[in-house]
């Protein structure tokens, strides 16, 4: 009976580790995508043509800022998860 409990504990710990690693991977993936979106939208805003209206440039900058915020929060979550 004692061996059964030890085996159950090991299996539970293994499942927890797998879940933790999957969550960490997902968080890092979200951060990577958010950083890419931020970079693309910031580049679009920076290279705005003179014909591009000011409203669209502001929207591009807002999108870049929002994506940067999501990326930063994801990185912080990943760091907290590793602890």
C-alpha atoms as a PDB file:
ATOM      1  CA  UNK A   1       0.000   0.000   0.000  1.00  0.00           C
ATOM      2  CA  UNK A   2       2.844   2.394   0.832  1.00  0.00           C
ATOM      3  CA  UNK A   3       4.409   1.797  -2.587  1.00  0.00           C
ATOM      4  CA  UNK A   4       1.104   2.638  -4.205  1.00  0.00           C
ATOM      5  CA  UNK A   5       0.968   5.994  -2.422  1.00  0.00           C
ATOM      6  CA  UNK A   6       4.548   6.817  -3.404  1.00  0.00           C
ATOM      7  CA  UNK A   7       3.768   5.936  -7.008  1.00  0.00           C
ATOM      8  CA  UNK A   8       0.659   8.128  -6.943  1.00  0.00           C
ATOM      9  CA  UNK A   9       2.666  11.022  -5.539  1.00  0.00           C
ATOM     10  CA  UNK A  10       5.328  10.639  -8.219  1.00  0.00           C
ATOM     11  CA  UNK A  11       2.703  10.509 -10.948  1.00  0.00           C
ATOM     12  CA  UNK A  12       0.944  13.589  -9.551  1.00  0.00           C
ATOM     13  CA  UNK A  13       4.251  15.471  -9.308  1.00  0.00           C
ATOM     14  CA  UNK A  14       5.081  14.479 -12.899  1.00  0.00           C
ATOM     15  CA  UNK A  15       1.690  15.745 -14.111  1.00  0.00           C
ATOM     16  CA  UNK A  16       2.147  19.005 -12.193  1.00  0.00           C
ATOM     17  CA  UNK A  17       5.572  19.489 -13.784  1.00  0.00           C
ATOM     18  CA  UNK A  18       4.177  18.859 -17.265  1.00  0.00           C
ATOM     19  CA  UNK A  19       1.329  21.308 -16.645  1.00  0.00           C
ATOM     20  CA  UNK A  20       3.711  23.927 -15.244  1.00  0.00           C
ATOM     21  CA  UNK A  21       6.033  23.605 -18.238  1.00  0.00           C
ATOM     22  CA  UNK A  22       3.111  23.884 -20.663  1.00  0.00           C
ATOM     23  CA  UNK A  23       1.850  27.026 -18.934  1.00  0.00           C
ATOM     24  CA  UNK A  24       5.327  28.531 -18.996  1.00  0.00           C
ATOM     25  CA  UNK A  25       5.726  27.720 -22.691  1.00  0.00           C
ATOM     26  CA  UNK A  26       2.331  29.256 -23.492  1.00  0.00           C
ATOM     27  CA  UNK A  27       3.164  32.418 -21.565  1.00  0.00           C
ATOM     28  CA  UNK A  28       6.482  32.803 -23.366  1.00  0.00           C
ATOM     29  CA  UNK A  29       4.758  32.212 -26.718  1.00  0.00           C
ATOM     30  CA  UNK A  30       2.209  34.938 -25.981  1.00  0.00           C
ATOM     31  CA  UNK A  31       5.049  37.304 -25.091  1.00  0.00           C
ATOM     32  CA  UNK A  32       6.864  36.528 -28.330  1.00  0.00           C
ATOM     33  CA  UNK A  33       3.776  37.155 -30.451  1.00  0.00           C
ATOM     34  CA  UNK A  34       2.974  40.369 -28.562  1.00  0.00           C
ATOM     35  CA  UNK A  35       6.518  41.660 -29.043  1.00  0.00           C
ATOM     36  CA  UNK A  36       6.271  40.894 -32.767  1.00  0.00           C
ATOM     37  CA  UNK A  37       2.945  42.728 -33.048  1.00  0.00           C
ATOM     38  CA  UNK A  38       4.406  45.669 -31.118  1.00  0.00           C
ATOM     39  CA  UNK A  39       7.425  45.829 -33.408  1.00  0.00           C
ATOM     40  CA  UNK A  40       5.346  45.666 -36.576  1.00  0.00           C
ATOM     41  CA  UNK A  41       2.823  48.262 -35.469  1.00  0.00           C
ATOM     42  CA  UNK A  42       5.546  50.589 -34.181  1.00  0.00           C
ATOM     43  CA  UNK A  43       7.353  50.297 -37.498  1.00  0.00           C
ATOM     44  CA  UNK A  44       4.127  51.058 -39.341  1.00  0.00           C
ATOM     45  CA  UNK A  45       3.557  54.138 -37.196  1.00  0.00           C
ATOM     46  CA  UNK A  46       7.148  55.320 -37.610  1.00  0.00           C
ATOM     47  CA  UNK A  47       7.125  54.942 -41.379  1.00  0.00           C
ATOM     48  CA  UNK A  48       3.788  56.596 -41.877  1.00  0.00           C
ATOM     49  CA  UNK A  49       3.567  58.342 -45.195  1.00  0.00           C
ATOM     50  CA  UNK A  50       2.715  62.024 -45.302  1.00  0.00           C
ATOM     51  CA  UNK A  51      -0.620  61.069 -46.806  1.00  0.00           C
ATOM     52  CA  UNK A  52      -1.464  58.839 -43.854  1.00  0.00           C
ATOM     53  CA  UNK A  53      -3.810  60.664 -41.563  1.00  0.00           C
ATOM     54  CA  UNK A  54      -2.884  61.487 -37.999  1.00  0.00           C
ATOM     55  CA  UNK A  55      -5.720  59.357 -36.628  1.00  0.00           C
ATOM     56  CA  UNK A  56      -4.328  56.177 -38.199  1.00  0.00           C
ATOM     57  CA  UNK A  57      -0.829  56.975 -36.910  1.00  0.00           C
ATOM     58  CA  UNK A  58      -2.261  57.344 -33.407  1.00  0.00           C
ATOM     59  CA  UNK A  59      -4.085  54.030 -33.768  1.00  0.00           C
ATOM     60  CA  UNK A  60      -0.838  52.344 -34.851  1.00  0.00           C
ATOM     61  CA  UNK A  61       0.978  53.769 -31.826  1.00  0.00           C
ATOM     62  CA  UNK A  62      -1.845  52.709 -29.508  1.00  0.00           C
ATOM     63  CA  UNK A  63      -1.676  49.180 -30.921  1.00  0.00           C
ATOM     64  CA  UNK A  64       2.090  49.112 -30.462  1.00  0.00           C
ATOM     65  CA  UNK A  65       1.734  50.303 -26.870  1.00  0.00           C
ATOM     66  CA  UNK A  66      -0.967  47.748 -26.099  1.00  0.00           C
ATOM     67  CA  UNK A  67       1.045  44.906 -27.609  1.00  0.00           C
ATOM     68  CA  UNK A  68       4.114  46.003 -25.638  1.00  0.00           C
ATOM     69  CA  UNK A  69       2.062  45.996 -22.445  1.00  0.00           C
ATOM     70  CA  UNK A  70       0.766  42.477 -23.151  1.00  0.00           C
ATOM     71  CA  UNK A  71       4.300  41.284 -23.905  1.00  0.00           C
ATOM     72  CA  UNK A  72       5.700  42.837 -20.738  1.00  0.00           C
ATOM     73  CA  UNK A  73       2.980  41.318 -18.593  1.00  0.00           C
ATOM     74  CA  UNK A  74       3.573  37.924 -20.213  1.00  0.00           C
ATOM     75  CA  UNK A  75       7.289  38.103 -19.480  1.00  0.00           C
ATOM     76  CA  UNK A  76       6.575  39.021 -15.865  1.00  0.00           C
ATOM     77  CA  UNK A  77       4.113  36.134 -15.594  1.00  0.00           C
ATOM     78  CA  UNK A  78       6.689  33.746 -17.032  1.00  0.00           C
ATOM     79  CA  UNK A  79       9.289  34.952 -14.541  1.00  0.00           C
ATOM     80  CA  UNK A  80       6.830  34.534 -11.664  1.00  0.00           C
ATOM     81  CA  UNK A  81       5.901  31.055 -12.874  1.00  0.00           C
ATOM     82  CA  UNK A  82       9.523  29.912 -12.826  1.00  0.00           C
ATOM     83  CA  UNK A  83       9.896  30.900  -9.177  1.00  0.00           C
END
